[in-house]
N, C-alpha and C. Protein backbone atom coordinates (compact mmCIF):
# COMPACT_ATOMS: atom_id res chain seq x y z
N UNK A 1 86.73 85.78 83.02
CA UNK A 1 85.88 86.57 83.92
C UNK A 1 85.77 87.98 83.35
N UNK A 2 84.54 88.48 83.23
CA UNK A 2 84.36 89.84 82.76
C UNK A 2 84.51 90.81 83.92
N UNK A 3 84.49 92.12 83.61
CA UNK A 3 84.64 93.11 84.65
C UNK A 3 83.43 93.27 85.52
N UNK A 4 82.25 92.78 85.08
CA UNK A 4 81.02 92.92 85.85
C UNK A 4 80.39 91.55 86.06
N UNK A 5 80.15 91.21 87.32
CA UNK A 5 79.53 89.94 87.69
C UNK A 5 78.26 90.24 88.48
N UNK A 6 77.14 89.62 88.09
CA UNK A 6 75.88 89.80 88.79
C UNK A 6 75.27 88.43 89.09
N UNK A 7 74.61 88.33 90.24
CA UNK A 7 73.95 87.08 90.57
C UNK A 7 73.58 87.02 92.04
N UNK A 8 72.93 85.94 92.42
CA UNK A 8 72.54 85.77 93.82
C UNK A 8 73.75 85.28 94.60
N UNK A 9 73.65 85.40 95.92
CA UNK A 9 74.72 84.96 96.82
C UNK A 9 74.18 83.89 97.75
N UNK A 10 74.95 82.84 97.92
CA UNK A 10 74.61 81.77 98.87
C UNK A 10 75.45 81.95 100.12
N UNK A 11 74.82 81.92 101.28
CA UNK A 11 75.52 82.12 102.54
C UNK A 11 75.82 80.78 103.20
N UNK A 12 77.09 80.59 103.56
CA UNK A 12 77.54 79.39 104.23
C UNK A 12 78.55 79.83 105.29
N UNK A 13 78.03 80.30 106.42
CA UNK A 13 78.84 81.02 107.39
C UNK A 13 79.58 80.14 108.40
N UNK A 14 79.68 78.87 108.15
CA UNK A 14 80.46 78.03 109.06
C UNK A 14 81.93 78.44 109.00
N UNK A 15 82.60 78.54 110.14
CA UNK A 15 84.04 78.85 110.12
C UNK A 15 84.87 77.63 109.77
N UNK A 16 86.07 77.87 109.27
CA UNK A 16 87.07 76.81 109.05
C UNK A 16 86.60 75.71 108.11
N UNK A 17 85.85 76.07 107.08
CA UNK A 17 85.50 75.08 106.06
C UNK A 17 86.77 74.74 105.30
N UNK A 18 87.13 73.46 105.28
CA UNK A 18 88.42 73.11 104.69
C UNK A 18 88.28 72.61 103.25
N UNK A 19 89.41 72.52 102.59
CA UNK A 19 89.40 72.16 101.17
C UNK A 19 88.99 70.71 100.94
N UNK A 20 89.10 69.86 101.96
CA UNK A 20 88.67 68.47 101.81
C UNK A 20 87.15 68.39 101.66
N UNK A 21 86.44 69.32 102.27
CA UNK A 21 84.98 69.37 102.13
C UNK A 21 84.60 70.03 100.81
N UNK A 22 85.30 71.10 100.47
CA UNK A 22 84.99 71.82 99.23
C UNK A 22 85.24 70.92 98.01
N UNK A 23 86.35 70.19 98.03
CA UNK A 23 86.72 69.34 96.89
C UNK A 23 87.12 67.96 97.40
N UNK A 24 86.14 67.11 97.67
CA UNK A 24 86.46 65.76 98.15
C UNK A 24 87.30 65.00 97.13
N UNK A 25 88.18 64.15 97.63
CA UNK A 25 89.14 63.46 96.76
C UNK A 25 88.44 62.52 95.79
N UNK A 26 89.01 62.43 94.59
CA UNK A 26 88.59 61.43 93.61
C UNK A 26 89.53 60.25 93.75
N UNK A 27 89.01 59.08 93.95
CA UNK A 27 89.84 57.90 94.17
C UNK A 27 89.95 57.08 92.89
N UNK A 28 91.16 56.95 92.40
CA UNK A 28 91.44 56.13 91.22
C UNK A 28 90.61 56.56 90.02
N UNK A 29 90.32 57.86 89.93
CA UNK A 29 89.58 58.37 88.79
C UNK A 29 88.12 58.00 88.77
N UNK A 30 87.61 57.43 89.88
CA UNK A 30 86.23 56.97 89.91
C UNK A 30 85.34 57.95 90.66
N UNK A 31 84.06 57.87 90.40
CA UNK A 31 83.10 58.66 91.14
C UNK A 31 83.07 58.18 92.60
N UNK A 32 83.09 59.12 93.55
CA UNK A 32 83.12 58.73 94.96
C UNK A 32 81.75 58.81 95.62
N UNK A 33 80.69 58.94 94.80
CA UNK A 33 79.35 59.00 95.35
C UNK A 33 78.82 60.41 95.48
N UNK A 34 79.68 61.43 95.23
CA UNK A 34 79.25 62.81 95.35
C UNK A 34 79.19 63.43 93.95
N UNK A 35 78.27 62.99 93.13
CA UNK A 35 78.14 63.57 91.80
C UNK A 35 78.89 62.75 90.78
N UNK A 36 79.09 63.33 89.58
CA UNK A 36 79.72 62.63 88.47
C UNK A 36 81.17 63.05 88.34
N UNK A 37 82.07 62.07 88.19
CA UNK A 37 83.51 62.36 88.19
C UNK A 37 83.89 63.36 87.11
N UNK A 38 83.22 63.33 85.97
CA UNK A 38 83.59 64.22 84.87
C UNK A 38 82.98 65.60 84.97
N UNK A 39 82.21 65.89 86.01
CA UNK A 39 81.53 67.17 86.14
C UNK A 39 81.88 67.79 87.49
N UNK A 40 82.99 68.52 87.55
CA UNK A 40 83.45 69.04 88.85
C UNK A 40 82.45 69.98 89.51
N UNK A 41 81.63 70.68 88.73
CA UNK A 41 80.66 71.57 89.34
C UNK A 41 79.63 70.83 90.18
N UNK A 42 79.39 69.55 89.86
CA UNK A 42 78.43 68.77 90.65
C UNK A 42 79.08 68.18 91.89
N UNK A 43 80.41 68.22 91.98
CA UNK A 43 81.12 67.55 93.06
C UNK A 43 81.49 68.48 94.20
N UNK A 44 81.51 69.80 93.96
CA UNK A 44 81.93 70.73 94.99
C UNK A 44 81.01 70.60 96.22
N UNK A 45 81.61 70.61 97.41
CA UNK A 45 80.90 70.41 98.68
C UNK A 45 80.17 69.07 98.72
N UNK A 46 80.71 68.07 98.01
CA UNK A 46 80.05 66.78 97.92
C UNK A 46 79.59 66.18 99.23
N UNK A 47 80.41 66.18 100.29
CA UNK A 47 79.97 65.58 101.56
C UNK A 47 78.74 66.24 102.17
N UNK A 48 78.49 67.48 101.83
CA UNK A 48 77.33 68.20 102.36
C UNK A 48 76.18 68.26 101.36
N UNK A 49 76.49 68.24 100.08
CA UNK A 49 75.43 68.38 99.07
C UNK A 49 74.66 67.10 98.83
N UNK A 50 75.27 65.94 99.16
CA UNK A 50 74.65 64.67 98.84
C UNK A 50 74.45 63.80 100.06
N UNK A 51 73.36 63.06 100.05
CA UNK A 51 73.06 62.10 101.10
C UNK A 51 73.83 60.81 100.84
N UNK A 52 73.91 59.91 101.83
CA UNK A 52 74.67 58.68 101.64
C UNK A 52 74.24 57.86 100.43
N UNK A 53 72.97 57.95 100.03
CA UNK A 53 72.51 57.18 98.87
C UNK A 53 72.75 57.90 97.55
N UNK A 54 73.43 59.10 97.60
CA UNK A 54 73.76 59.81 96.38
C UNK A 54 72.75 60.88 95.98
N UNK A 55 71.60 60.91 96.62
CA UNK A 55 70.60 61.94 96.31
C UNK A 55 71.03 63.29 96.89
N UNK A 56 70.55 64.38 96.27
CA UNK A 56 70.84 65.71 96.79
C UNK A 56 70.24 65.88 98.19
N UNK A 57 70.99 66.54 99.04
CA UNK A 57 70.48 66.91 100.36
C UNK A 57 69.64 68.18 100.20
N UNK A 58 68.33 68.11 100.37
CA UNK A 58 67.49 69.27 100.12
C UNK A 58 67.71 70.41 101.10
N UNK A 59 68.39 70.12 102.22
CA UNK A 59 68.63 71.15 103.22
C UNK A 59 69.86 72.00 102.90
N UNK A 60 70.73 71.51 102.02
CA UNK A 60 71.96 72.24 101.72
C UNK A 60 71.67 73.38 100.76
N UNK A 61 72.21 74.57 101.05
CA UNK A 61 71.78 75.78 100.35
C UNK A 61 72.04 75.73 98.85
N UNK A 62 73.12 75.11 98.42
CA UNK A 62 73.42 75.10 96.98
C UNK A 62 72.54 74.13 96.20
N UNK A 63 71.69 73.40 96.91
CA UNK A 63 70.72 72.53 96.25
C UNK A 63 69.34 73.17 96.17
N UNK A 64 69.22 74.41 96.66
CA UNK A 64 67.93 75.08 96.68
C UNK A 64 67.92 76.24 95.71
N UNK A 65 66.75 76.52 95.15
CA UNK A 65 66.59 77.70 94.29
C UNK A 65 66.47 78.94 95.16
N UNK A 66 66.99 80.08 94.71
CA UNK A 66 67.77 80.28 93.48
C UNK A 66 69.27 80.05 93.68
N UNK A 67 69.66 79.51 94.84
CA UNK A 67 71.07 79.49 95.21
C UNK A 67 71.88 78.43 94.46
N UNK A 68 71.21 77.49 93.79
CA UNK A 68 71.96 76.54 92.99
C UNK A 68 72.55 77.21 91.75
N UNK A 69 72.19 78.49 91.55
CA UNK A 69 72.76 79.28 90.45
C UNK A 69 73.59 80.46 90.98
N UNK A 70 74.06 80.35 92.21
CA UNK A 70 74.76 81.46 92.85
C UNK A 70 76.07 81.79 92.14
N UNK A 71 76.32 83.10 92.02
CA UNK A 71 77.61 83.59 91.52
C UNK A 71 78.51 84.04 92.66
N UNK A 72 77.92 84.23 93.85
CA UNK A 72 78.65 84.67 95.03
C UNK A 72 78.46 83.65 96.14
N UNK A 73 79.51 83.47 96.92
CA UNK A 73 79.44 82.64 98.11
C UNK A 73 79.90 83.48 99.29
N UNK A 74 79.07 83.54 100.34
CA UNK A 74 79.41 84.29 101.54
C UNK A 74 79.74 83.28 102.62
N UNK A 75 80.98 83.32 103.10
CA UNK A 75 81.49 82.25 103.95
C UNK A 75 81.98 82.78 105.29
N UNK A 76 82.25 81.84 106.21
CA UNK A 76 82.78 82.18 107.51
C UNK A 76 84.29 82.36 107.48
N UNK A 77 84.85 82.66 108.64
CA UNK A 77 86.28 82.94 108.73
C UNK A 77 87.12 81.71 108.37
N UNK A 78 88.32 81.99 107.88
CA UNK A 78 89.29 80.95 107.54
C UNK A 78 88.73 79.98 106.49
N UNK A 79 88.04 80.52 105.52
CA UNK A 79 87.44 79.68 104.48
C UNK A 79 88.53 79.03 103.64
N UNK A 80 88.34 77.75 103.32
CA UNK A 80 89.26 76.97 102.48
C UNK A 80 90.63 76.80 103.13
N UNK A 81 90.61 76.52 104.40
CA UNK A 81 91.85 76.19 105.11
C UNK A 81 92.21 74.74 104.81
N UNK A 82 93.31 74.27 105.36
CA UNK A 82 93.68 72.87 105.20
C UNK A 82 94.61 72.63 104.04
N UNK A 83 94.45 71.51 103.36
CA UNK A 83 95.37 71.10 102.31
C UNK A 83 95.34 72.07 101.14
N UNK A 84 96.36 71.98 100.30
CA UNK A 84 96.54 72.96 99.23
C UNK A 84 95.87 72.58 97.92
N UNK A 85 94.94 71.63 97.94
CA UNK A 85 94.38 71.13 96.67
C UNK A 85 93.74 72.25 95.85
N UNK A 86 94.24 72.38 94.64
CA UNK A 86 93.78 73.44 93.73
C UNK A 86 92.37 73.19 93.23
N UNK A 87 91.91 71.95 93.31
CA UNK A 87 90.55 71.63 92.86
C UNK A 87 89.50 72.37 93.66
N UNK A 88 89.82 72.82 94.87
CA UNK A 88 88.84 73.58 95.65
C UNK A 88 88.39 74.82 94.90
N UNK A 89 89.32 75.50 94.26
CA UNK A 89 88.96 76.68 93.47
C UNK A 89 88.34 76.27 92.14
N UNK A 90 88.94 75.29 91.49
CA UNK A 90 88.47 74.87 90.16
C UNK A 90 87.02 74.40 90.21
N UNK A 91 86.66 73.65 91.24
CA UNK A 91 85.30 73.14 91.33
C UNK A 91 84.30 74.23 91.70
N UNK A 92 84.70 75.18 92.54
CA UNK A 92 83.83 76.32 92.81
C UNK A 92 83.55 77.09 91.53
N UNK A 93 84.59 77.32 90.74
CA UNK A 93 84.43 78.03 89.46
C UNK A 93 83.53 77.24 88.52
N UNK A 94 83.70 75.92 88.48
CA UNK A 94 82.87 75.09 87.62
C UNK A 94 81.40 75.15 88.04
N UNK A 95 81.16 75.29 89.33
CA UNK A 95 79.78 75.43 89.81
C UNK A 95 79.17 76.74 89.35
N UNK A 96 80.00 77.80 89.24
CA UNK A 96 79.50 79.11 88.84
C UNK A 96 79.87 80.22 89.79
N UNK A 97 80.58 79.91 90.87
CA UNK A 97 80.99 80.93 91.83
C UNK A 97 82.07 81.81 91.21
N UNK A 98 81.89 83.14 91.31
CA UNK A 98 82.86 84.08 90.78
C UNK A 98 83.46 84.98 91.86
N UNK A 99 82.86 84.95 93.04
CA UNK A 99 83.38 85.76 94.16
C UNK A 99 83.03 85.07 95.47
N UNK A 100 84.03 84.91 96.33
CA UNK A 100 83.80 84.39 97.68
C UNK A 100 84.09 85.52 98.65
N UNK A 101 83.13 85.81 99.50
CA UNK A 101 83.25 86.88 100.50
C UNK A 101 83.39 86.24 101.86
N UNK A 102 84.43 86.60 102.59
CA UNK A 102 84.67 86.01 103.91
C UNK A 102 85.56 86.93 104.73
N UNK A 103 85.57 86.76 106.07
CA UNK A 103 86.48 87.56 106.89
C UNK A 103 87.95 87.19 106.68
N UNK A 104 88.22 85.93 106.30
CA UNK A 104 89.60 85.50 106.08
C UNK A 104 89.58 84.20 105.28
N UNK A 105 90.74 83.89 104.67
CA UNK A 105 90.85 82.73 103.80
C UNK A 105 92.12 81.94 104.12
N UNK A 106 92.12 80.66 103.74
CA UNK A 106 93.36 79.92 103.70
C UNK A 106 94.28 80.55 102.67
N UNK A 107 95.56 80.68 103.01
CA UNK A 107 96.47 81.45 102.17
C UNK A 107 96.65 80.89 100.77
N UNK A 108 96.82 79.59 100.64
CA UNK A 108 97.04 79.00 99.31
C UNK A 108 95.78 79.12 98.47
N UNK A 109 94.63 78.89 99.08
CA UNK A 109 93.36 79.05 98.36
C UNK A 109 93.21 80.48 97.86
N UNK A 110 93.55 81.45 98.69
CA UNK A 110 93.43 82.86 98.32
C UNK A 110 94.21 83.15 97.04
N UNK A 111 95.45 82.70 96.97
CA UNK A 111 96.26 82.93 95.78
C UNK A 111 95.72 82.17 94.57
N UNK A 112 95.26 80.93 94.78
CA UNK A 112 94.74 80.14 93.68
C UNK A 112 93.49 80.75 93.06
N UNK A 113 92.72 81.47 93.86
CA UNK A 113 91.50 82.08 93.33
C UNK A 113 91.79 82.98 92.13
N UNK A 114 92.82 83.79 92.22
CA UNK A 114 93.13 84.72 91.14
C UNK A 114 93.58 83.99 89.88
N UNK A 115 94.14 82.80 90.05
CA UNK A 115 94.58 82.02 88.88
C UNK A 115 93.42 81.36 88.17
N UNK A 116 92.26 81.31 88.82
CA UNK A 116 91.13 80.59 88.24
C UNK A 116 89.87 81.44 88.15
N UNK A 117 90.02 82.77 88.20
CA UNK A 117 88.89 83.64 87.91
C UNK A 117 87.88 83.82 89.02
N UNK A 118 88.32 83.69 90.27
CA UNK A 118 87.44 83.95 91.41
C UNK A 118 88.06 85.04 92.27
N UNK A 119 87.26 86.03 92.67
CA UNK A 119 87.74 87.07 93.57
C UNK A 119 87.51 86.63 95.02
N UNK A 120 88.56 86.47 95.84
CA UNK A 120 88.39 86.26 97.27
C UNK A 120 88.35 87.62 97.97
N UNK A 121 87.19 88.03 98.41
CA UNK A 121 87.02 89.38 98.94
C UNK A 121 86.95 89.33 100.46
N UNK A 122 87.92 89.95 101.12
CA UNK A 122 87.99 89.96 102.58
C UNK A 122 87.23 91.18 103.11
N UNK A 123 86.24 90.93 103.97
CA UNK A 123 85.47 92.00 104.60
C UNK A 123 85.38 91.75 106.10
N UNK A 124 85.06 92.78 106.85
CA UNK A 124 84.92 92.65 108.30
C UNK A 124 83.78 91.67 108.64
N UNK A 125 83.93 90.89 109.72
CA UNK A 125 82.92 89.89 110.06
C UNK A 125 81.50 90.44 110.15
N UNK A 126 81.33 91.62 110.75
CA UNK A 126 79.99 92.19 110.89
C UNK A 126 79.38 92.48 109.53
N UNK A 127 80.19 92.93 108.59
CA UNK A 127 79.70 93.23 107.25
C UNK A 127 79.38 91.94 106.50
N UNK A 128 80.19 90.92 106.69
CA UNK A 128 79.91 89.63 106.07
C UNK A 128 78.56 89.10 106.55
N UNK A 129 78.31 89.20 107.84
CA UNK A 129 77.03 88.74 108.39
C UNK A 129 75.87 89.56 107.85
N UNK A 130 76.08 90.85 107.69
CA UNK A 130 75.03 91.72 107.14
C UNK A 130 74.69 91.31 105.70
N UNK A 131 75.72 91.04 104.91
CA UNK A 131 75.49 90.62 103.52
C UNK A 131 74.81 89.25 103.48
N UNK A 132 75.16 88.38 104.41
CA UNK A 132 74.54 87.06 104.47
C UNK A 132 73.04 87.18 104.73
N UNK A 133 72.67 88.08 105.61
CA UNK A 133 71.24 88.28 105.88
C UNK A 133 70.52 88.81 104.64
N UNK A 134 71.16 89.70 103.92
CA UNK A 134 70.55 90.22 102.69
C UNK A 134 70.39 89.14 101.63
N UNK A 135 71.30 88.18 101.64
CA UNK A 135 71.27 87.15 100.60
C UNK A 135 70.12 86.17 100.76
N UNK A 136 69.51 86.12 101.92
CA UNK A 136 68.53 85.09 102.22
C UNK A 136 67.33 85.11 101.29
N UNK A 137 66.98 86.28 100.78
CA UNK A 137 65.80 86.38 99.92
C UNK A 137 66.15 86.26 98.44
N UNK A 138 67.42 86.01 98.14
CA UNK A 138 67.80 85.80 96.75
C UNK A 138 67.97 87.06 95.93
N UNK A 139 68.27 88.19 96.57
CA UNK A 139 68.51 89.43 95.84
C UNK A 139 69.81 89.37 95.04
N UNK A 140 69.92 90.30 94.08
CA UNK A 140 71.05 90.30 93.18
C UNK A 140 72.21 91.14 93.74
N UNK A 141 73.37 90.54 93.77
CA UNK A 141 74.62 91.23 94.09
C UNK A 141 75.33 91.56 92.78
N UNK A 142 76.10 92.65 92.77
CA UNK A 142 76.84 93.04 91.57
C UNK A 142 78.27 93.40 91.94
N UNK A 143 79.21 92.81 91.22
CA UNK A 143 80.63 93.06 91.44
C UNK A 143 81.21 93.72 90.21
N UNK A 144 81.78 94.91 90.38
CA UNK A 144 82.43 95.63 89.29
C UNK A 144 83.93 95.61 89.54
N UNK A 145 84.65 94.76 88.80
CA UNK A 145 86.09 94.66 89.00
C UNK A 145 86.83 95.87 88.46
N UNK A 146 86.29 96.49 87.44
CA UNK A 146 86.94 97.67 86.87
C UNK A 146 86.97 98.81 87.87
N UNK A 147 85.85 99.01 88.56
CA UNK A 147 85.74 100.08 89.54
C UNK A 147 86.06 99.62 90.96
N UNK A 148 86.30 98.32 91.14
CA UNK A 148 86.54 97.74 92.47
C UNK A 148 85.40 98.12 93.42
N UNK A 149 84.20 97.65 93.06
CA UNK A 149 83.01 98.01 93.83
C UNK A 149 82.08 96.81 93.91
N UNK A 150 81.50 96.61 95.09
CA UNK A 150 80.50 95.57 95.30
C UNK A 150 79.19 96.23 95.72
N UNK A 151 78.13 95.93 95.01
CA UNK A 151 76.80 96.42 95.34
C UNK A 151 75.95 95.27 95.86
N UNK A 152 75.36 95.47 97.03
CA UNK A 152 74.49 94.45 97.61
C UNK A 152 73.03 94.87 97.44
N UNK A 153 72.08 93.94 97.56
CA UNK A 153 70.67 94.25 97.28
C UNK A 153 70.11 95.45 98.05
N UNK A 154 70.51 95.60 99.32
CA UNK A 154 69.98 96.69 100.15
C UNK A 154 71.07 97.65 100.60
N UNK A 155 72.23 97.59 99.95
CA UNK A 155 73.32 98.46 100.33
C UNK A 155 74.09 97.90 101.52
N UNK A 156 75.22 98.48 101.80
CA UNK A 156 75.79 99.63 101.12
C UNK A 156 76.59 99.21 99.88
N UNK A 157 76.97 100.24 99.10
CA UNK A 157 77.95 100.01 98.04
C UNK A 157 79.33 100.06 98.67
N UNK A 158 80.12 99.02 98.41
CA UNK A 158 81.43 98.89 99.07
C UNK A 158 82.55 98.95 98.05
N UNK A 159 83.51 99.81 98.30
CA UNK A 159 84.72 99.82 97.50
C UNK A 159 85.77 98.94 98.15
N UNK A 160 86.66 98.42 97.35
CA UNK A 160 87.74 97.60 97.89
C UNK A 160 89.00 97.84 97.06
N UNK A 161 90.13 97.53 97.65
CA UNK A 161 91.41 97.71 96.98
C UNK A 161 91.87 96.39 96.37
N UNK A 162 92.38 96.48 95.15
CA UNK A 162 92.86 95.30 94.45
C UNK A 162 94.05 95.70 93.60
N UNK A 163 95.23 95.11 93.83
CA UNK A 163 96.38 95.45 93.01
C UNK A 163 96.08 95.28 91.52
N UNK A 164 96.67 96.13 90.70
CA UNK A 164 96.38 96.10 89.27
C UNK A 164 96.64 94.74 88.65
N UNK A 165 97.73 94.07 89.07
CA UNK A 165 98.04 92.78 88.45
C UNK A 165 97.01 91.73 88.85
N UNK A 166 96.47 91.81 90.08
CA UNK A 166 95.43 90.89 90.50
C UNK A 166 94.14 91.14 89.69
N UNK A 167 93.82 92.39 89.51
CA UNK A 167 92.62 92.72 88.76
C UNK A 167 92.75 92.26 87.31
N UNK A 168 93.93 92.44 86.72
CA UNK A 168 94.15 92.00 85.35
C UNK A 168 94.04 90.49 85.23
N UNK A 169 94.53 89.77 86.23
CA UNK A 169 94.42 88.32 86.21
C UNK A 169 92.96 87.89 86.14
N UNK A 170 92.10 88.57 86.89
CA UNK A 170 90.69 88.21 86.92
C UNK A 170 89.96 88.62 85.64
N UNK A 171 90.19 89.83 85.18
CA UNK A 171 89.46 90.33 84.01
C UNK A 171 89.95 89.68 82.72
N UNK A 172 91.27 89.53 82.60
CA UNK A 172 91.86 89.02 81.35
C UNK A 172 92.09 87.51 81.37
N UNK A 173 91.91 86.87 82.52
CA UNK A 173 92.16 85.45 82.59
C UNK A 173 93.62 85.10 82.51
N UNK A 174 94.49 86.00 82.94
CA UNK A 174 95.94 85.79 82.83
C UNK A 174 96.50 85.18 84.10
N UNK A 175 97.60 84.42 83.96
CA UNK A 175 98.30 83.94 85.13
C UNK A 175 99.57 84.76 85.33
N UNK A 176 100.36 84.39 86.34
CA UNK A 176 101.56 85.18 86.65
C UNK A 176 102.55 85.19 85.49
N UNK A 177 102.70 84.04 84.80
CA UNK A 177 103.63 83.97 83.68
C UNK A 177 103.20 84.91 82.56
N UNK A 178 101.91 84.90 82.25
CA UNK A 178 101.40 85.79 81.21
C UNK A 178 101.61 87.24 81.58
N UNK A 179 101.36 87.57 82.86
CA UNK A 179 101.56 88.94 83.31
C UNK A 179 103.02 89.36 83.15
N UNK A 180 103.94 88.44 83.45
CA UNK A 180 105.36 88.75 83.30
C UNK A 180 105.73 88.96 81.84
N UNK A 181 105.24 88.07 80.96
CA UNK A 181 105.54 88.20 79.53
C UNK A 181 104.95 89.47 78.96
N UNK A 182 103.81 89.89 79.47
CA UNK A 182 103.21 91.14 78.99
C UNK A 182 104.04 92.36 79.39
N UNK A 183 104.91 92.17 80.39
CA UNK A 183 105.74 93.28 80.87
C UNK A 183 107.17 93.19 80.36
N UNK A 184 107.41 92.35 79.35
CA UNK A 184 108.78 92.11 78.91
C UNK A 184 109.44 93.38 78.37
N UNK A 185 108.64 94.25 77.75
CA UNK A 185 109.19 95.51 77.27
C UNK A 185 109.75 96.35 78.40
N UNK A 186 109.03 96.40 79.50
CA UNK A 186 109.49 97.15 80.67
C UNK A 186 110.74 96.51 81.26
N UNK A 187 110.76 95.18 81.31
CA UNK A 187 111.93 94.46 81.83
C UNK A 187 113.15 94.76 80.98
N UNK A 188 112.99 94.73 79.66
CA UNK A 188 114.12 95.02 78.76
C UNK A 188 114.64 96.44 78.97
N UNK A 189 113.70 97.38 79.15
CA UNK A 189 114.11 98.78 79.34
C UNK A 189 114.92 98.94 80.62
N UNK A 190 114.49 98.27 81.69
CA UNK A 190 115.22 98.33 82.96
C UNK A 190 116.61 97.72 82.80
N UNK A 191 116.69 96.60 82.12
CA UNK A 191 117.99 95.96 81.93
C UNK A 191 118.94 96.84 81.11
N UNK A 192 118.43 97.47 80.07
CA UNK A 192 119.27 98.35 79.26
C UNK A 192 119.78 99.53 80.08
N UNK A 193 118.93 100.08 80.92
CA UNK A 193 119.35 101.20 81.75
C UNK A 193 120.43 100.77 82.74
N UNK A 194 120.25 99.59 83.32
CA UNK A 194 121.24 99.11 84.28
C UNK A 194 122.56 98.74 83.60
N UNK A 195 122.49 98.22 82.38
CA UNK A 195 123.73 97.91 81.66
C UNK A 195 124.54 99.19 81.42
N UNK A 196 123.83 100.29 81.21
CA UNK A 196 124.52 101.55 80.94
C UNK A 196 125.05 102.19 82.21
N UNK A 197 124.32 102.03 83.32
CA UNK A 197 124.70 102.73 84.55
C UNK A 197 125.46 101.85 85.54
N UNK A 198 125.27 100.52 85.46
CA UNK A 198 125.93 99.60 86.39
C UNK A 198 126.46 98.39 85.63
N UNK A 199 127.38 98.60 84.70
CA UNK A 199 127.84 97.50 83.84
C UNK A 199 128.54 96.39 84.60
N UNK A 200 129.07 96.68 85.79
CA UNK A 200 129.84 95.68 86.53
C UNK A 200 128.99 94.54 87.10
N UNK A 201 127.68 94.71 87.12
CA UNK A 201 126.84 93.65 87.70
C UNK A 201 126.49 92.57 86.70
N UNK A 202 126.83 92.76 85.42
CA UNK A 202 126.43 91.80 84.39
C UNK A 202 127.55 90.79 84.14
N UNK A 203 127.19 89.53 83.93
CA UNK A 203 128.19 88.49 83.66
C UNK A 203 129.06 88.87 82.45
N UNK A 204 130.36 88.66 82.58
CA UNK A 204 131.27 88.93 81.47
C UNK A 204 131.77 90.35 81.44
N UNK A 205 131.24 91.20 82.32
CA UNK A 205 131.70 92.60 82.32
C UNK A 205 133.13 92.66 82.86
N UNK A 206 133.92 93.52 82.28
CA UNK A 206 135.31 93.69 82.73
C UNK A 206 135.39 94.72 83.84
């Protein structure tokens, strides 16, 4: 994920959308009727995107232009609640979503987003609804991770807080292990200082 993301936003303001809908289960490695098993981007929201005969549902927003190319998803409260399946994030990313905006998220999904290059952005419900209305005409949204700023087609420009390690995970594509290894010099320095000032806490110390 780069520091700047631009694209249209698709609004799906239903509350309590669960991970079973976002990433329907694959049974025995076979296609379940919602797209092609080897193409996770075609499978996301399968129960809503496809009709019983496998054809696209023309009423579903991600099947309509320009929203089938959306980089942003504007969702209702408690988005991605339910089971902890990591495919919910992976398939959204495969579709092209880089930022999900909602009043609240399922906790496990929220953490998984940073591991897979999606920003879960929490905003007040009234602001989420305002952005959803702006998205209807297909205007361009812009997300600047370096400056922690979101620009919407008709304003306002919104700043948000993001811990440095979370921002690095998104921009650099790093996971928690990589972030820890990148800080090994700092860890070594702390250990050396503690060995000098508190030697009794180390194994084998007399």
